[in-house]
Amino acid sequence: MGAKTSKLSKDDLTTLKQTTYFDRREIQQWHKGFLRDCPNGHLTRSDFVRIYNQFFPFGSPEDFANHLFTVFDHDDNGFIEFSEFIKVLSITSRGSDEEKVEWAFQLYDLNGDGVVTFDEMLTIVSSVYKMMGSMVKLEPDEATPELRVKKIFDIMDKDRDGYISLDDFKIGSKEDTSILNALNLYEGLV
C-alpha cells in the first residue's frame, strides 16, 4: 500500500480513511514524513530499534523495540509498511480504550496463542524496565519486573490458572489503569 511510490493512491487513501481515525490530510502528512524517514517505503527492524535508541538514550530499548516491531509488522514480512504504521498509530493515539487494550494484549502475547503467560509478561515488562533505565522512580511493590508482573497477575489472573486471556486482560486493565495509561502516551499529540 503506497510502499514504493511517493504518493498514496486514491484507493490506498480511501482504505486508510476507513480503517484509521485519521482524515485524508493527516494520512497524507504522516505518509510524507514516513517516506522522508523511510525513502524505500518500509521501516526495517534495525532502523526501528535505532529510533527507539534515540528516544531512550539512558536505557536499553533494544528488546522492547524488537517486541514492538513484531506487533507493528502485522504481515510478518520483516518490514513495517506505511499502512501498518498508520494503523497502529491510529489505535494507540485515537482508538477506544478497548482497541488500545486489545492492541496491548497482542504485545504481551508473544507466541500469539491467545493467552499471556507469566513468562511472556515478564519478558515484556523486563524489556520496558531496561528501556526506562533509571529514568523512573518505581514504587517498592514494582521495584523489579518480577514484582510488577506478580502484581499484574494478582489482579488479572482471577482464576489462578497461570494465564491471562483477552477477557481477563480487559477486565484487569480497568482495575490497573497503568496498563491503559501507558497506551495513552500519544493521545492529544496526533
N, C-alpha and C. Protein backbone atom coordinates (compact mmCIF):
# COMPACT_ATOMS: atom_id res chain seq x y z
N MET A 1 0.84 -1.17 0.00
CA MET A 1 0.00 0.00 0.00
C MET A 1 0.89 1.23 0.00
N GLY A 2 1.12 1.81 -1.14
CA GLY A 2 1.92 3.01 -1.25
C GLY A 2 3.37 2.81 -0.88
N ALA A 3 3.83 1.55 -0.83
CA ALA A 3 5.17 1.27 -0.32
C ALA A 3 6.26 1.79 -1.24
N LYS A 4 6.09 1.75 -2.53
CA LYS A 4 7.17 2.10 -3.42
C LYS A 4 6.90 3.39 -4.20
N THR A 5 5.83 4.07 -3.87
CA THR A 5 5.51 5.29 -4.59
C THR A 5 5.63 6.48 -3.67
N SER A 6 5.82 7.64 -4.27
CA SER A 6 5.94 8.84 -3.45
C SER A 6 4.57 9.39 -3.07
N LYS A 7 3.52 8.85 -3.65
CA LYS A 7 2.18 9.33 -3.36
C LYS A 7 1.26 8.14 -3.13
N LEU A 8 0.39 8.27 -2.16
CA LEU A 8 -0.61 7.22 -1.92
C LEU A 8 -1.65 7.26 -3.03
N SER A 9 -2.08 6.10 -3.46
CA SER A 9 -3.15 6.06 -4.47
C SER A 9 -4.47 6.47 -3.82
N LYS A 10 -5.41 6.80 -4.65
CA LYS A 10 -6.75 7.17 -4.18
C LYS A 10 -7.36 6.00 -3.39
N ASP A 11 -7.19 4.78 -3.89
CA ASP A 11 -7.71 3.59 -3.20
C ASP A 11 -7.04 3.40 -1.84
N ASP A 12 -5.71 3.61 -1.79
CA ASP A 12 -4.99 3.48 -0.52
C ASP A 12 -5.51 4.50 0.50
N LEU A 13 -5.68 5.73 0.05
CA LEU A 13 -6.20 6.78 0.93
C LEU A 13 -7.59 6.44 1.44
N THR A 14 -8.44 5.98 0.55
CA THR A 14 -9.80 5.60 0.94
C THR A 14 -9.78 4.48 1.97
N THR A 15 -8.96 3.47 1.72
CA THR A 15 -8.86 2.34 2.65
C THR A 15 -8.36 2.81 4.02
N LEU A 16 -7.33 3.64 4.03
CA LEU A 16 -6.78 4.11 5.30
C LEU A 16 -7.74 5.04 6.03
N LYS A 17 -8.50 5.83 5.30
CA LYS A 17 -9.52 6.67 5.95
C LYS A 17 -10.58 5.79 6.62
N GLN A 18 -10.89 4.65 5.99
CA GLN A 18 -11.92 3.76 6.53
C GLN A 18 -11.40 2.90 7.68
N THR A 19 -10.09 2.68 7.75
CA THR A 19 -9.54 1.76 8.75
C THR A 19 -8.74 2.46 9.85
N THR A 20 -8.69 3.81 9.80
CA THR A 20 -8.00 4.56 10.85
C THR A 20 -8.89 5.70 11.32
N TYR A 21 -8.38 6.42 12.30
CA TYR A 21 -9.09 7.60 12.82
C TYR A 21 -8.50 8.89 12.27
N PHE A 22 -7.77 8.79 11.17
CA PHE A 22 -7.16 9.97 10.56
C PHE A 22 -7.95 10.38 9.32
N ASP A 23 -7.93 11.68 9.05
CA ASP A 23 -8.58 12.15 7.83
C ASP A 23 -7.55 12.13 6.68
N ARG A 24 -8.02 12.45 5.51
CA ARG A 24 -7.20 12.38 4.30
C ARG A 24 -5.92 13.21 4.44
N ARG A 25 -6.05 14.44 4.90
CA ARG A 25 -4.91 15.34 5.03
C ARG A 25 -3.89 14.78 6.03
N GLU A 26 -4.37 14.30 7.16
CA GLU A 26 -3.46 13.75 8.17
C GLU A 26 -2.72 12.52 7.63
N ILE A 27 -3.43 11.66 6.93
CA ILE A 27 -2.79 10.47 6.35
C ILE A 27 -1.70 10.88 5.37
N GLN A 28 -2.00 11.86 4.55
CA GLN A 28 -1.00 12.32 3.58
C GLN A 28 0.21 12.93 4.28
N GLN A 29 -0.02 13.68 5.36
CA GLN A 29 1.10 14.27 6.10
C GLN A 29 1.96 13.19 6.76
N TRP A 30 1.31 12.21 7.39
CA TRP A 30 2.06 11.12 8.00
C TRP A 30 2.83 10.34 6.94
N HIS A 31 2.21 10.13 5.78
CA HIS A 31 2.87 9.40 4.71
C HIS A 31 4.11 10.15 4.22
N LYS A 32 3.99 11.44 4.07
CA LYS A 32 5.12 12.26 3.63
C LYS A 32 6.28 12.13 4.63
N GLY A 33 5.97 12.22 5.92
CA GLY A 33 7.00 12.06 6.95
C GLY A 33 7.59 10.66 6.96
N PHE A 34 6.75 9.67 6.75
CA PHE A 34 7.21 8.27 6.72
C PHE A 34 8.20 8.09 5.57
N LEU A 35 7.86 8.62 4.40
CA LEU A 35 8.75 8.49 3.24
C LEU A 35 10.04 9.29 3.42
N ARG A 36 9.96 10.39 4.15
CA ARG A 36 11.17 11.16 4.42
C ARG A 36 12.14 10.32 5.26
N ASP A 37 11.58 9.61 6.25
CA ASP A 37 12.41 8.77 7.11
C ASP A 37 12.72 7.41 6.51
N CYS A 38 11.84 6.95 5.63
CA CYS A 38 11.97 5.62 5.01
C CYS A 38 11.73 5.76 3.51
N PRO A 39 12.71 6.28 2.78
CA PRO A 39 12.50 6.58 1.35
C PRO A 39 12.09 5.36 0.51
N ASN A 40 12.45 4.17 0.95
CA ASN A 40 12.07 2.98 0.18
C ASN A 40 10.68 2.47 0.54
N GLY A 41 9.99 3.18 1.45
CA GLY A 41 8.61 2.85 1.76
C GLY A 41 8.42 1.84 2.85
N HIS A 42 9.49 1.40 3.49
CA HIS A 42 9.31 0.49 4.62
C HIS A 42 10.41 0.73 5.67
N LEU A 43 10.05 0.40 6.89
CA LEU A 43 10.92 0.59 8.04
C LEU A 43 11.48 -0.77 8.45
N THR A 44 12.80 -0.87 8.49
CA THR A 44 13.42 -2.14 8.88
C THR A 44 13.45 -2.27 10.40
N ARG A 45 13.65 -3.47 10.85
CA ARG A 45 13.76 -3.73 12.29
C ARG A 45 14.93 -2.93 12.88
N SER A 46 16.07 -2.95 12.21
CA SER A 46 17.24 -2.25 12.75
C SER A 46 17.01 -0.74 12.81
N ASP A 47 16.33 -0.17 11.82
CA ASP A 47 16.01 1.26 11.87
C ASP A 47 15.02 1.57 12.98
N PHE A 48 14.06 0.68 13.19
CA PHE A 48 13.08 0.85 14.26
C PHE A 48 13.79 0.87 15.62
N VAL A 49 14.71 -0.06 15.81
CA VAL A 49 15.47 -0.13 17.06
C VAL A 49 16.32 1.12 17.23
N ARG A 50 16.94 1.58 16.14
CA ARG A 50 17.76 2.79 16.19
C ARG A 50 16.92 4.00 16.64
N ILE A 51 15.71 4.11 16.13
CA ILE A 51 14.81 5.20 16.51
C ILE A 51 14.51 5.13 18.01
N TYR A 52 14.21 3.93 18.51
CA TYR A 52 13.94 3.79 19.94
C TYR A 52 15.16 4.15 20.78
N ASN A 53 16.34 3.84 20.28
CA ASN A 53 17.55 4.22 21.00
C ASN A 53 17.67 5.73 21.13
N GLN A 54 17.20 6.47 20.14
CA GLN A 54 17.24 7.93 20.20
C GLN A 54 16.27 8.47 21.25
N PHE A 55 15.12 7.82 21.40
CA PHE A 55 14.11 8.28 22.36
C PHE A 55 14.43 7.88 23.80
N PHE A 56 15.22 6.84 23.97
CA PHE A 56 15.54 6.34 25.31
C PHE A 56 17.06 6.20 25.48
N PRO A 57 17.77 7.31 25.45
CA PRO A 57 19.23 7.24 25.49
C PRO A 57 19.80 6.80 26.84
N PHE A 58 19.00 6.84 27.91
CA PHE A 58 19.50 6.48 29.23
C PHE A 58 19.17 5.04 29.61
N GLY A 59 18.46 4.36 28.72
CA GLY A 59 18.12 2.97 28.97
C GLY A 59 18.60 2.10 27.83
N SER A 60 18.07 0.91 27.78
CA SER A 60 18.43 -0.04 26.73
C SER A 60 17.13 -0.54 26.08
N PRO A 61 16.66 0.16 25.05
CA PRO A 61 15.34 -0.14 24.48
C PRO A 61 15.32 -1.24 23.41
N GLU A 62 16.45 -1.86 23.13
CA GLU A 62 16.52 -2.81 22.02
C GLU A 62 15.50 -3.95 22.14
N ASP A 63 15.42 -4.57 23.31
CA ASP A 63 14.49 -5.70 23.46
C ASP A 63 13.04 -5.26 23.26
N PHE A 64 12.66 -4.15 23.91
CA PHE A 64 11.28 -3.68 23.77
C PHE A 64 10.99 -3.30 22.32
N ALA A 65 11.90 -2.58 21.69
CA ALA A 65 11.70 -2.17 20.31
C ALA A 65 11.53 -3.39 19.39
N ASN A 66 12.27 -4.43 19.64
CA ASN A 66 12.13 -5.65 18.84
C ASN A 66 10.76 -6.30 19.04
N HIS A 67 10.28 -6.34 20.28
CA HIS A 67 8.94 -6.89 20.54
C HIS A 67 7.88 -6.03 19.87
N LEU A 68 8.03 -4.72 20.00
CA LEU A 68 7.07 -3.80 19.41
C LEU A 68 7.06 -3.90 17.89
N PHE A 69 8.22 -4.04 17.31
CA PHE A 69 8.33 -4.19 15.86
C PHE A 69 7.48 -5.38 15.38
N THR A 70 7.53 -6.46 16.11
CA THR A 70 6.78 -7.66 15.74
C THR A 70 5.28 -7.38 15.71
N VAL A 71 4.79 -6.56 16.63
CA VAL A 71 3.36 -6.23 16.65
C VAL A 71 3.01 -5.27 15.50
N PHE A 72 3.89 -4.34 15.22
CA PHE A 72 3.67 -3.42 14.09
C PHE A 72 3.64 -4.19 12.77
N ASP A 73 4.57 -5.12 12.61
CA ASP A 73 4.74 -5.86 11.35
C ASP A 73 3.66 -6.93 11.23
N HIS A 74 2.46 -6.47 10.99
CA HIS A 74 1.27 -7.34 11.01
C HIS A 74 1.36 -8.49 10.01
N ASP A 75 1.93 -8.23 8.84
CA ASP A 75 2.01 -9.29 7.82
C ASP A 75 3.28 -10.13 7.96
N ASP A 76 4.09 -9.84 8.97
CA ASP A 76 5.27 -10.63 9.31
C ASP A 76 6.25 -10.78 8.14
N ASN A 77 6.45 -9.68 7.39
CA ASN A 77 7.37 -9.75 6.26
C ASN A 77 8.74 -9.14 6.57
N GLY A 78 8.94 -8.72 7.83
CA GLY A 78 10.22 -8.17 8.22
C GLY A 78 10.36 -6.67 8.04
N PHE A 79 9.29 -6.01 7.62
CA PHE A 79 9.28 -4.57 7.43
C PHE A 79 7.98 -3.99 7.97
N ILE A 80 8.03 -2.73 8.34
CA ILE A 80 6.80 -2.01 8.67
C ILE A 80 6.50 -1.11 7.49
N GLU A 81 5.40 -1.41 6.80
CA GLU A 81 4.96 -0.55 5.72
C GLU A 81 4.14 0.58 6.31
N PHE A 82 3.90 1.61 5.51
CA PHE A 82 3.16 2.76 5.98
C PHE A 82 1.79 2.37 6.52
N SER A 83 1.09 1.49 5.83
CA SER A 83 -0.26 1.12 6.28
C SER A 83 -0.23 0.48 7.66
N GLU A 84 0.79 -0.33 7.94
CA GLU A 84 0.92 -0.95 9.26
C GLU A 84 1.22 0.12 10.31
N PHE A 85 2.11 1.03 9.96
CA PHE A 85 2.50 2.11 10.87
C PHE A 85 1.30 2.97 11.23
N ILE A 86 0.56 3.43 10.24
CA ILE A 86 -0.53 4.39 10.48
C ILE A 86 -1.69 3.72 11.22
N LYS A 87 -1.92 2.44 10.99
CA LYS A 87 -3.00 1.74 11.71
C LYS A 87 -2.68 1.61 13.19
N VAL A 88 -1.43 1.29 13.52
CA VAL A 88 -1.04 1.20 14.93
C VAL A 88 -1.09 2.58 15.57
N LEU A 89 -0.57 3.58 14.88
CA LEU A 89 -0.60 4.94 15.40
C LEU A 89 -2.04 5.38 15.65
N SER A 90 -2.93 5.03 14.75
CA SER A 90 -4.34 5.38 14.89
C SER A 90 -4.94 4.76 16.16
N ILE A 91 -4.69 3.49 16.37
CA ILE A 91 -5.23 2.81 17.55
C ILE A 91 -4.63 3.38 18.83
N THR A 92 -3.30 3.52 18.87
CA THR A 92 -2.65 3.93 20.10
C THR A 92 -2.87 5.41 20.42
N SER A 93 -3.18 6.22 19.41
CA SER A 93 -3.36 7.64 19.67
C SER A 93 -4.83 8.07 19.74
N ARG A 94 -5.69 7.38 18.99
CA ARG A 94 -7.08 7.83 18.91
C ARG A 94 -8.11 6.71 19.08
N GLY A 95 -7.65 5.51 19.27
CA GLY A 95 -8.57 4.39 19.41
C GLY A 95 -9.31 4.41 20.73
N SER A 96 -10.35 3.62 20.79
CA SER A 96 -11.10 3.48 22.04
C SER A 96 -10.23 2.75 23.07
N ASP A 97 -10.61 2.85 24.32
CA ASP A 97 -9.88 2.13 25.35
C ASP A 97 -9.84 0.64 25.03
N GLU A 98 -10.95 0.10 24.54
CA GLU A 98 -10.99 -1.34 24.23
C GLU A 98 -10.01 -1.68 23.10
N GLU A 99 -9.95 -0.84 22.08
CA GLU A 99 -9.00 -1.09 20.99
C GLU A 99 -7.56 -1.04 21.50
N LYS A 100 -7.27 -0.09 22.37
CA LYS A 100 -5.93 0.03 22.92
C LYS A 100 -5.56 -1.19 23.75
N VAL A 101 -6.51 -1.65 24.55
CA VAL A 101 -6.25 -2.83 25.39
C VAL A 101 -6.04 -4.07 24.51
N GLU A 102 -6.85 -4.23 23.47
CA GLU A 102 -6.67 -5.37 22.56
C GLU A 102 -5.31 -5.31 21.87
N TRP A 103 -4.89 -4.11 21.50
CA TRP A 103 -3.58 -3.96 20.86
C TRP A 103 -2.47 -4.30 21.85
N ALA A 104 -2.59 -3.81 23.09
CA ALA A 104 -1.58 -4.10 24.11
C ALA A 104 -1.49 -5.60 24.38
N PHE A 105 -2.64 -6.25 24.37
CA PHE A 105 -2.66 -7.70 24.61
C PHE A 105 -1.79 -8.41 23.58
N GLN A 106 -1.86 -7.96 22.33
CA GLN A 106 -1.03 -8.57 21.28
C GLN A 106 0.45 -8.43 21.59
N LEU A 107 0.83 -7.32 22.20
CA LEU A 107 2.23 -7.10 22.55
C LEU A 107 2.69 -8.12 23.59
N TYR A 108 1.85 -8.38 24.58
CA TYR A 108 2.22 -9.33 25.64
C TYR A 108 2.11 -10.78 25.21
N ASP A 109 1.20 -11.08 24.30
CA ASP A 109 1.00 -12.46 23.83
C ASP A 109 2.06 -12.79 22.79
N LEU A 110 3.27 -13.06 23.26
CA LEU A 110 4.42 -13.19 22.38
C LEU A 110 4.30 -14.32 21.35
N ASN A 111 3.68 -15.42 21.73
CA ASN A 111 3.58 -16.53 20.78
C ASN A 111 2.25 -16.56 20.03
N GLY A 112 1.39 -15.59 20.30
CA GLY A 112 0.15 -15.47 19.55
C GLY A 112 -0.88 -16.56 19.79
N ASP A 113 -0.82 -17.22 20.96
CA ASP A 113 -1.75 -18.31 21.23
C ASP A 113 -3.04 -17.87 21.92
N GLY A 114 -3.20 -16.56 22.10
CA GLY A 114 -4.45 -16.05 22.68
C GLY A 114 -4.46 -15.93 24.18
N VAL A 115 -3.36 -16.24 24.83
CA VAL A 115 -3.23 -16.06 26.27
C VAL A 115 -1.84 -15.52 26.58
N VAL A 116 -1.73 -14.84 27.72
CA VAL A 116 -0.45 -14.31 28.16
C VAL A 116 -0.02 -15.08 29.40
N THR A 117 1.16 -15.67 29.33
CA THR A 117 1.70 -16.38 30.48
C THR A 117 2.53 -15.42 31.33
N PHE A 118 2.85 -15.87 32.53
CA PHE A 118 3.70 -15.08 33.42
C PHE A 118 5.02 -14.76 32.72
N ASP A 119 5.61 -15.77 32.07
CA ASP A 119 6.90 -15.58 31.41
C ASP A 119 6.82 -14.60 30.24
N GLU A 120 5.72 -14.66 29.47
CA GLU A 120 5.56 -13.71 28.37
C GLU A 120 5.46 -12.28 28.91
N MET A 121 4.66 -12.10 29.94
CA MET A 121 4.53 -10.76 30.51
C MET A 121 5.85 -10.32 31.12
N LEU A 122 6.55 -11.22 31.76
CA LEU A 122 7.84 -10.88 32.35
C LEU A 122 8.83 -10.44 31.27
N THR A 123 8.80 -11.08 30.13
CA THR A 123 9.68 -10.70 29.02
C THR A 123 9.43 -9.26 28.61
N ILE A 124 8.16 -8.90 28.44
CA ILE A 124 7.83 -7.54 28.01
C ILE A 124 8.12 -6.53 29.12
N VAL A 125 7.68 -6.82 30.33
CA VAL A 125 7.90 -5.88 31.43
C VAL A 125 9.40 -5.69 31.68
N SER A 126 10.17 -6.76 31.61
CA SER A 126 11.63 -6.63 31.77
C SER A 126 12.22 -5.73 30.70
N SER A 127 11.72 -5.88 29.47
CA SER A 127 12.24 -5.04 28.38
C SER A 127 11.87 -3.57 28.59
N VAL A 128 10.69 -3.32 29.17
CA VAL A 128 10.29 -1.94 29.46
C VAL A 128 11.19 -1.36 30.57
N TYR A 129 11.46 -2.14 31.61
CA TYR A 129 12.32 -1.67 32.69
C TYR A 129 13.72 -1.36 32.15
N LYS A 130 14.23 -2.22 31.28
CA LYS A 130 15.55 -1.97 30.68
C LYS A 130 15.52 -0.70 29.83
N MET A 131 14.43 -0.50 29.11
CA MET A 131 14.30 0.67 28.24
C MET A 131 14.28 1.96 29.07
N MET A 132 13.57 1.94 30.19
CA MET A 132 13.43 3.13 31.01
C MET A 132 14.71 3.43 31.80
N GLY A 133 15.51 2.41 32.04
CA GLY A 133 16.74 2.61 32.80
C GLY A 133 16.42 3.19 34.16
N SER A 134 17.16 4.18 34.56
CA SER A 134 16.95 4.79 35.87
C SER A 134 16.12 6.06 35.78
N MET A 135 15.41 6.24 34.66
CA MET A 135 14.64 7.47 34.44
C MET A 135 13.39 7.56 35.31
N VAL A 136 12.88 6.43 35.78
CA VAL A 136 11.61 6.42 36.50
C VAL A 136 11.81 5.89 37.91
N LYS A 137 11.24 6.59 38.87
CA LYS A 137 11.24 6.13 40.26
C LYS A 137 10.05 5.19 40.44
N LEU A 138 10.32 3.97 40.87
CA LEU A 138 9.28 2.96 40.99
C LEU A 138 8.84 2.76 42.43
N GLU A 139 7.57 2.39 42.57
CA GLU A 139 7.04 2.05 43.88
C GLU A 139 7.72 0.77 44.37
N PRO A 140 7.85 0.58 45.68
CA PRO A 140 8.51 -0.63 46.19
C PRO A 140 7.89 -1.94 45.69
N ASP A 141 6.55 -1.96 45.52
CA ASP A 141 5.92 -3.20 45.08
C ASP A 141 6.06 -3.42 43.57
N GLU A 142 6.78 -2.50 42.89
CA GLU A 142 7.04 -2.64 41.46
C GLU A 142 8.52 -2.39 41.16
N ALA A 143 9.36 -2.57 42.16
CA ALA A 143 10.77 -2.24 42.03
C ALA A 143 11.51 -3.14 41.03
N THR A 144 10.99 -4.33 40.79
CA THR A 144 11.61 -5.23 39.82
C THR A 144 10.54 -5.69 38.83
N PRO A 145 10.96 -6.13 37.66
CA PRO A 145 9.97 -6.65 36.71
C PRO A 145 9.15 -7.81 37.30
N GLU A 146 9.80 -8.66 38.08
CA GLU A 146 9.10 -9.80 38.67
C GLU A 146 7.99 -9.35 39.61
N LEU A 147 8.29 -8.33 40.44
CA LEU A 147 7.26 -7.82 41.35
C LEU A 147 6.11 -7.18 40.58
N ARG A 148 6.43 -6.45 39.51
CA ARG A 148 5.38 -5.81 38.70
C ARG A 148 4.49 -6.87 38.06
N VAL A 149 5.08 -7.91 37.49
CA VAL A 149 4.30 -8.96 36.83
C VAL A 149 3.47 -9.72 37.85
N LYS A 150 4.04 -9.99 39.02
CA LYS A 150 3.26 -10.66 40.07
C LYS A 150 2.04 -9.82 40.43
N LYS A 151 2.24 -8.52 40.56
CA LYS A 151 1.14 -7.61 40.88
C LYS A 151 0.06 -7.65 39.78
N ILE A 152 0.50 -7.61 38.53
CA ILE A 152 -0.45 -7.67 37.41
C ILE A 152 -1.20 -9.00 37.41
N PHE A 153 -0.49 -10.09 37.61
CA PHE A 153 -1.15 -11.41 37.62
C PHE A 153 -2.11 -11.54 38.80
N ASP A 154 -1.76 -10.95 39.94
CA ASP A 154 -2.67 -10.97 41.08
C ASP A 154 -3.99 -10.28 40.74
N ILE A 155 -3.91 -9.23 39.93
CA ILE A 155 -5.11 -8.50 39.53
C ILE A 155 -5.86 -9.20 38.40
N MET A 156 -5.13 -9.68 37.39
CA MET A 156 -5.77 -10.14 36.16
C MET A 156 -6.07 -11.64 36.10
N ASP A 157 -5.27 -12.45 36.75
CA ASP A 157 -5.47 -13.90 36.66
C ASP A 157 -6.38 -14.35 37.80
N LYS A 158 -7.65 -13.98 37.68
CA LYS A 158 -8.63 -14.23 38.75
C LYS A 158 -8.79 -15.72 39.08
N ASP A 159 -8.76 -16.56 38.05
CA ASP A 159 -8.96 -17.99 38.31
C ASP A 159 -7.65 -18.73 38.63
N ARG A 160 -6.55 -17.99 38.69
CA ARG A 160 -5.24 -18.52 39.08
C ARG A 160 -4.82 -19.73 38.26
N ASP A 161 -5.11 -19.67 36.94
CA ASP A 161 -4.71 -20.78 36.07
C ASP A 161 -3.35 -20.55 35.41
N GLY A 162 -2.72 -19.42 35.72
CA GLY A 162 -1.40 -19.14 35.18
C GLY A 162 -1.41 -18.46 33.82
N TYR A 163 -2.61 -18.11 33.35
CA TYR A 163 -2.75 -17.46 32.05
C TYR A 163 -3.67 -16.25 32.19
N ILE A 164 -3.43 -15.27 31.33
CA ILE A 164 -4.35 -14.14 31.23
C ILE A 164 -4.95 -14.18 29.84
N SER A 165 -6.25 -14.35 29.78
CA SER A 165 -6.95 -14.33 28.49
C SER A 165 -7.20 -12.87 28.11
N LEU A 166 -7.67 -12.66 26.89
CA LEU A 166 -8.01 -11.30 26.48
C LEU A 166 -9.09 -10.72 27.38
N ASP A 167 -10.09 -11.53 27.73
CA ASP A 167 -11.14 -11.05 28.63
C ASP A 167 -10.57 -10.67 30.00
N ASP A 168 -9.68 -11.53 30.54
CA ASP A 168 -9.02 -11.21 31.82
C ASP A 168 -8.27 -9.89 31.70
N PHE A 169 -7.58 -9.72 30.58
CA PHE A 169 -6.77 -8.53 30.34
C PHE A 169 -7.63 -7.28 30.28
N LYS A 170 -8.78 -7.39 29.61
CA LYS A 170 -9.69 -6.25 29.51
C LYS A 170 -10.22 -5.85 30.88
N ILE A 171 -10.64 -6.83 31.64
CA ILE A 171 -11.18 -6.56 32.99
C ILE A 171 -10.09 -6.02 33.89
N GLY A 172 -8.92 -6.66 33.86
CA GLY A 172 -7.81 -6.24 34.71
C GLY A 172 -7.29 -4.86 34.38
N SER A 173 -7.37 -4.48 33.10
CA SER A 173 -6.90 -3.15 32.70
C SER A 173 -7.77 -2.04 33.28
N LYS A 174 -9.00 -2.39 33.60
CA LYS A 174 -9.87 -1.41 34.26
C LYS A 174 -9.49 -1.25 35.73
N GLU A 175 -8.97 -2.34 36.32
CA GLU A 175 -8.54 -2.28 37.72
C GLU A 175 -7.15 -1.68 37.87
N ASP A 176 -6.25 -2.03 36.93
CA ASP A 176 -4.88 -1.49 36.96
C ASP A 176 -4.76 -0.53 35.79
N THR A 177 -5.08 0.72 36.05
CA THR A 177 -5.16 1.71 34.97
C THR A 177 -3.79 2.04 34.38
N SER A 178 -2.71 1.60 35.01
CA SER A 178 -1.38 1.89 34.45
C SER A 178 -1.21 1.23 33.09
N ILE A 179 -1.90 0.11 32.85
CA ILE A 179 -1.82 -0.56 31.54
C ILE A 179 -2.37 0.38 30.47
N LEU A 180 -3.54 0.91 30.71
CA LEU A 180 -4.17 1.81 29.74
C LEU A 180 -3.45 3.15 29.68
N ASN A 181 -3.00 3.65 30.81
CA ASN A 181 -2.29 4.93 30.82
C ASN A 181 -1.02 4.87 29.97
N ALA A 182 -0.36 3.73 29.97
CA ALA A 182 0.85 3.58 29.15
C ALA A 182 0.52 3.68 27.66
N LEU A 183 -0.70 3.34 27.29
CA LEU A 183 -1.10 3.42 25.89
C LEU A 183 -1.63 4.77 25.50
N ASN A 184 -1.86 5.62 26.47
CA ASN A 184 -2.40 6.95 26.19
C ASN A 184 -1.30 7.99 25.98
N LEU A 185 -0.06 7.55 25.80
CA LEU A 185 1.04 8.47 25.64
C LEU A 185 0.85 9.42 24.46
N TYR A 186 0.29 8.93 23.37
CA TYR A 186 0.17 9.73 22.16
C TYR A 186 -1.12 10.54 22.11
N GLU A 187 -2.04 10.29 23.04
CA GLU A 187 -3.33 10.94 22.99
C GLU A 187 -3.16 12.46 23.02
N GLY A 188 -3.81 13.12 22.09
CA GLY A 188 -3.75 14.56 22.00
C GLY A 188 -2.54 15.09 21.26
N LEU A 189 -1.58 14.23 20.96
CA LEU A 189 -0.38 14.67 20.25
C LEU A 189 -0.51 14.55 18.74
N VAL A 190 -1.38 13.66 18.29
CA VAL A 190 -1.52 13.46 16.84
C VAL A 190 -2.97 13.64 16.43
